[in-house]
Amino acid sequence: MRTLSVAIVLCVCAVLNGSGGSSAAAATESGRSADGHSVPTYFAAVVANIFYIPAKVVFAAAGAVTSGLAYAVTLGDTSVSNSIWNTSVNGDYVVTPRMIEGREPVDFTGK
């Protein structure tokens, strides 16, 4: 828990300083990285992923189990199980800075 607290404090300090921690996301003089994203956008993506990734993984796992049960209950009807599988397992597993900026949609259900 202490390591997580230190990591959060370091991230907040980096955002307040206006500089990133790695060369790939290093801020230029304009406050944007080489690929055009601001440091707060990267920070927002990281914070969003803290909640989004576990939610998506749980949703996908529950969908996979439900898909298997639907296959068994319908005696092998793949149309039902495939629909459940595709809705739950497909989609985005990570929120990117482009999604935070509204340039790309977040596709939670793969539809």
C-alpha atoms as a PDB file:
ATOM      1  CA  MET A   1       0.000   0.000   0.000  1.00  0.00           C
ATOM      2  CA  ARG A   2       2.873   2.336   0.798  1.00  0.00           C
ATOM      3  CA  THR A   3       4.408   1.748  -2.652  1.00  0.00           C
ATOM      4  CA  LEU A   4       1.102   2.644  -4.317  1.00  0.00           C
ATOM      5  CA  SER A   5       0.893   5.847  -2.287  1.00  0.00           C
ATOM      6  CA  VAL A   6       4.436   6.816  -3.287  1.00  0.00           C
ATOM      7  CA  ALA A   7       3.666   6.086  -6.952  1.00  0.00           C
ATOM      8  CA  ILE A   8       0.552   8.264  -6.844  1.00  0.00           C
ATOM      9  CA  VAL A   9       2.449  11.129  -5.210  1.00  0.00           C
ATOM     10  CA  LEU A  10       5.191  10.878  -7.856  1.00  0.00           C
ATOM     11  CA  CYS A  11       2.603  10.932 -10.660  1.00  0.00           C
ATOM     12  CA  VAL A  12       0.907  13.989  -9.193  1.00  0.00           C
ATOM     13  CA  CYS A  13       4.260  15.741  -8.805  1.00  0.00           C
ATOM     14  CA  ALA A  14       5.159  14.932 -12.418  1.00  0.00           C
ATOM     15  CA  VAL A  15       1.868  16.374 -13.633  1.00  0.00           C
ATOM     16  CA  LEU A  16       2.276  19.502 -11.535  1.00  0.00           C
ATOM     17  CA  ASN A  17       5.851  19.907 -12.773  1.00  0.00           C
ATOM     18  CA  GLY A  18       4.685  19.532 -16.364  1.00  0.00           C
ATOM     19  CA  SER A  19       7.175  16.806 -17.201  1.00  0.00           C
ATOM     20  CA  GLY A  20       6.767  13.101 -17.873  1.00  0.00           C
ATOM     21  CA  GLY A  21       8.883  10.319 -16.476  1.00  0.00           C
ATOM     22  CA  SER A  22       9.953   8.552 -19.671  1.00  0.00           C
ATOM     23  CA  SER A  23      11.484   9.675 -22.919  1.00  0.00           C
ATOM     24  CA  ALA A  24       8.475   8.343 -24.883  1.00  0.00           C
ATOM     25  CA  ALA A  25       6.083  10.586 -22.990  1.00  0.00           C
ATOM     26  CA  ALA A  26       8.464  13.440 -22.228  1.00  0.00           C
ATOM     27  CA  ALA A  27       6.858  16.818 -22.515  1.00  0.00           C
ATOM     28  CA  THR A  28       8.174  19.365 -24.937  1.00  0.00           C
ATOM     29  CA  GLU A  29       8.332  23.067 -24.204  1.00  0.00           C
ATOM     30  CA  SER A  30       4.670  23.405 -25.219  1.00  0.00           C
ATOM     31  CA  GLY A  31       3.597  20.900 -22.530  1.00  0.00           C
ATOM     32  CA  ARG A  32       2.829  18.179 -25.076  1.00  0.00           C
ATOM     33  CA  SER A  33       4.598  14.906 -25.812  1.00  0.00           C
ATOM     34  CA  ALA A  34       6.092  13.986 -29.153  1.00  0.00           C
ATOM     35  CA  ASP A  35       2.777  12.453 -30.252  1.00  0.00           C
ATOM     36  CA  GLY A  36       0.740  15.521 -29.274  1.00  0.00           C
ATOM     37  CA  HIS A  37      -0.762  14.504 -25.921  1.00  0.00           C
ATOM     38  CA  SER A  38      -0.451  16.651 -22.817  1.00  0.00           C
ATOM     39  CA  VAL A  39       0.920  15.257 -19.584  1.00  0.00           C
ATOM     40  CA  PRO A  40      -2.458  15.578 -17.806  1.00  0.00           C
ATOM     41  CA  THR A  41      -3.993  13.510 -20.619  1.00  0.00           C
ATOM     42  CA  TYR A  42      -1.526  10.687 -19.942  1.00  0.00           C
ATOM     43  CA  PHE A  43      -2.222  10.989 -16.230  1.00  0.00           C
ATOM     44  CA  ALA A  44      -5.982  10.834 -16.839  1.00  0.00           C
ATOM     45  CA  ALA A  45      -5.515   7.720 -19.002  1.00  0.00           C
ATOM     46  CA  VAL A  46      -3.537   5.999 -16.239  1.00  0.00           C
ATOM     47  CA  VAL A  47      -6.140   6.890 -13.603  1.00  0.00           C
ATOM     48  CA  ALA A  48      -8.988   5.763 -15.875  1.00  0.00           C
ATOM     49  CA  ASN A  49      -7.236   2.447 -16.514  1.00  0.00           C
ATOM     50  CA  ILE A  50      -6.926   1.772 -12.788  1.00  0.00           C
ATOM     51  CA  PHE A  51     -10.699   1.311 -12.806  1.00  0.00           C
ATOM     52  CA  TYR A  52     -11.392   0.391 -16.447  1.00  0.00           C
ATOM     53  CA  ILE A  53      -9.017  -2.571 -16.874  1.00  0.00           C
ATOM     54  CA  PRO A  54     -10.266  -4.587 -13.869  1.00  0.00           C
ATOM     55  CA  ALA A  55     -13.879  -3.844 -14.824  1.00  0.00           C
ATOM     56  CA  LYS A  56     -13.291  -5.008 -18.405  1.00  0.00           C
ATOM     57  CA  VAL A  57     -11.457  -8.167 -17.310  1.00  0.00           C
ATOM     58  CA  VAL A  58     -14.241  -9.108 -14.871  1.00  0.00           C
ATOM     59  CA  PHE A  59     -16.883  -8.364 -17.522  1.00  0.00           C
ATOM     60  CA  ALA A  60     -15.031 -10.480 -20.104  1.00  0.00           C
ATOM     61  CA  ALA A  61     -14.523 -13.386 -17.692  1.00  0.00           C
ATOM     62  CA  ALA A  62     -18.170 -13.353 -16.652  1.00  0.00           C
ATOM     63  CA  GLY A  63     -19.195 -13.214 -20.317  1.00  0.00           C
ATOM     64  CA  ALA A  64     -16.927 -16.116 -21.200  1.00  0.00           C
ATOM     65  CA  VAL A  65     -18.434 -18.262 -18.451  1.00  0.00           C
ATOM     66  CA  THR A  66     -21.967 -17.217 -19.400  1.00  0.00           C
ATOM     67  CA  SER A  67     -21.224 -17.972 -23.050  1.00  0.00           C
ATOM     68  CA  GLY A  68     -20.113 -21.483 -22.121  1.00  0.00           C
ATOM     69  CA  LEU A  69     -23.205 -22.029 -20.015  1.00  0.00           C
ATOM     70  CA  ALA A  70     -25.432 -20.729 -22.820  1.00  0.00           C
ATOM     71  CA  TYR A  71     -23.768 -23.146 -25.231  1.00  0.00           C
ATOM     72  CA  ALA A  72     -24.464 -26.052 -22.872  1.00  0.00           C
ATOM     73  CA  VAL A  73     -28.034 -25.013 -22.017  1.00  0.00           C
ATOM     74  CA  THR A  74     -29.006 -24.491 -25.671  1.00  0.00           C
ATOM     75  CA  LEU A  75     -27.440 -27.850 -26.599  1.00  0.00           C
ATOM     76  CA  GLY A  76     -24.786 -26.351 -28.844  1.00  0.00           C
ATOM     77  CA  ASP A  77     -26.583 -23.358 -30.357  1.00  0.00           C
ATOM     78  CA  THR A  78     -23.580 -21.250 -31.300  1.00  0.00           C
ATOM     79  CA  SER A  79     -25.620 -18.187 -32.266  1.00  0.00           C
ATOM     80  CA  VAL A  80     -26.528 -17.546 -28.634  1.00  0.00           C
ATOM     81  CA  SER A  81     -23.109 -18.304 -27.169  1.00  0.00           C
ATOM     82  CA  ASN A  82     -21.259 -16.360 -29.897  1.00  0.00           C
ATOM     83  CA  SER A  83     -23.401 -13.293 -29.280  1.00  0.00           C
ATOM     84  CA  ILE A  84     -22.606 -13.352 -25.556  1.00  0.00           C
ATOM     85  CA  TRP A  85     -18.929 -14.073 -26.222  1.00  0.00           C
ATOM     86  CA  ASN A  86     -18.493 -11.293 -28.792  1.00  0.00           C
ATOM     87  CA  THR A  87     -20.254  -8.705 -26.654  1.00  0.00           C
ATOM     88  CA  SER A  88     -18.267  -9.437 -23.508  1.00  0.00           C
ATOM     89  CA  VAL A  89     -14.815 -10.507 -24.691  1.00  0.00           C
ATOM     90  CA  ASN A  90     -14.286  -8.175 -27.660  1.00  0.00           C
ATOM     91  CA  GLY A  91     -13.705  -4.456 -27.201  1.00  0.00           C
ATOM     92  CA  ASP A  92     -11.038  -2.251 -25.720  1.00  0.00           C
ATOM     93  CA  TYR A  93      -9.093  -3.414 -22.688  1.00  0.00           C
ATOM     94  CA  VAL A  94      -7.138  -0.162 -22.235  1.00  0.00           C
ATOM     95  CA  VAL A  95      -8.137   3.510 -22.291  1.00  0.00           C
ATOM     96  CA  THR A  96      -5.678   5.494 -24.411  1.00  0.00           C
ATOM     97  CA  PRO A  97      -4.891   9.221 -24.410  1.00  0.00           C
ATOM     98  CA  ARG A  98      -6.727   9.515 -27.751  1.00  0.00           C
ATOM     99  CA  MET A  99      -9.856   8.175 -26.032  1.00  0.00           C
ATOM    100  CA  ILE A 100      -9.450  10.648 -23.169  1.00  0.00           C
ATOM    101  CA  GLU A 101      -9.213  13.487 -25.695  1.00  0.00           C
ATOM    102  CA  GLY A 102     -12.346  12.263 -27.511  1.00  0.00           C
ATOM    103  CA  ARG A 103     -10.528  11.400 -30.753  1.00  0.00           C
ATOM    104  CA  GLU A 104     -11.485   7.695 -30.492  1.00  0.00           C
ATOM    105  CA  PRO A 105     -14.512   6.060 -28.865  1.00  0.00           C
ATOM    106  CA  VAL A 106     -14.173   3.700 -25.914  1.00  0.00           C
ATOM    107  CA  ASP A 107     -15.573   0.352 -27.033  1.00  0.00           C
ATOM    108  CA  PHE A 108     -16.363  -1.582 -23.846  1.00  0.00           C
ATOM    109  CA  THR A 109     -18.661  -4.193 -25.413  1.00  0.00           C
ATOM    110  CA  GLY A 110     -17.019  -4.822 -28.780  1.00  0.00           C
ATOM    111  CA  LYS A 111     -20.005  -3.729 -30.823  1.00  0.00           C
END
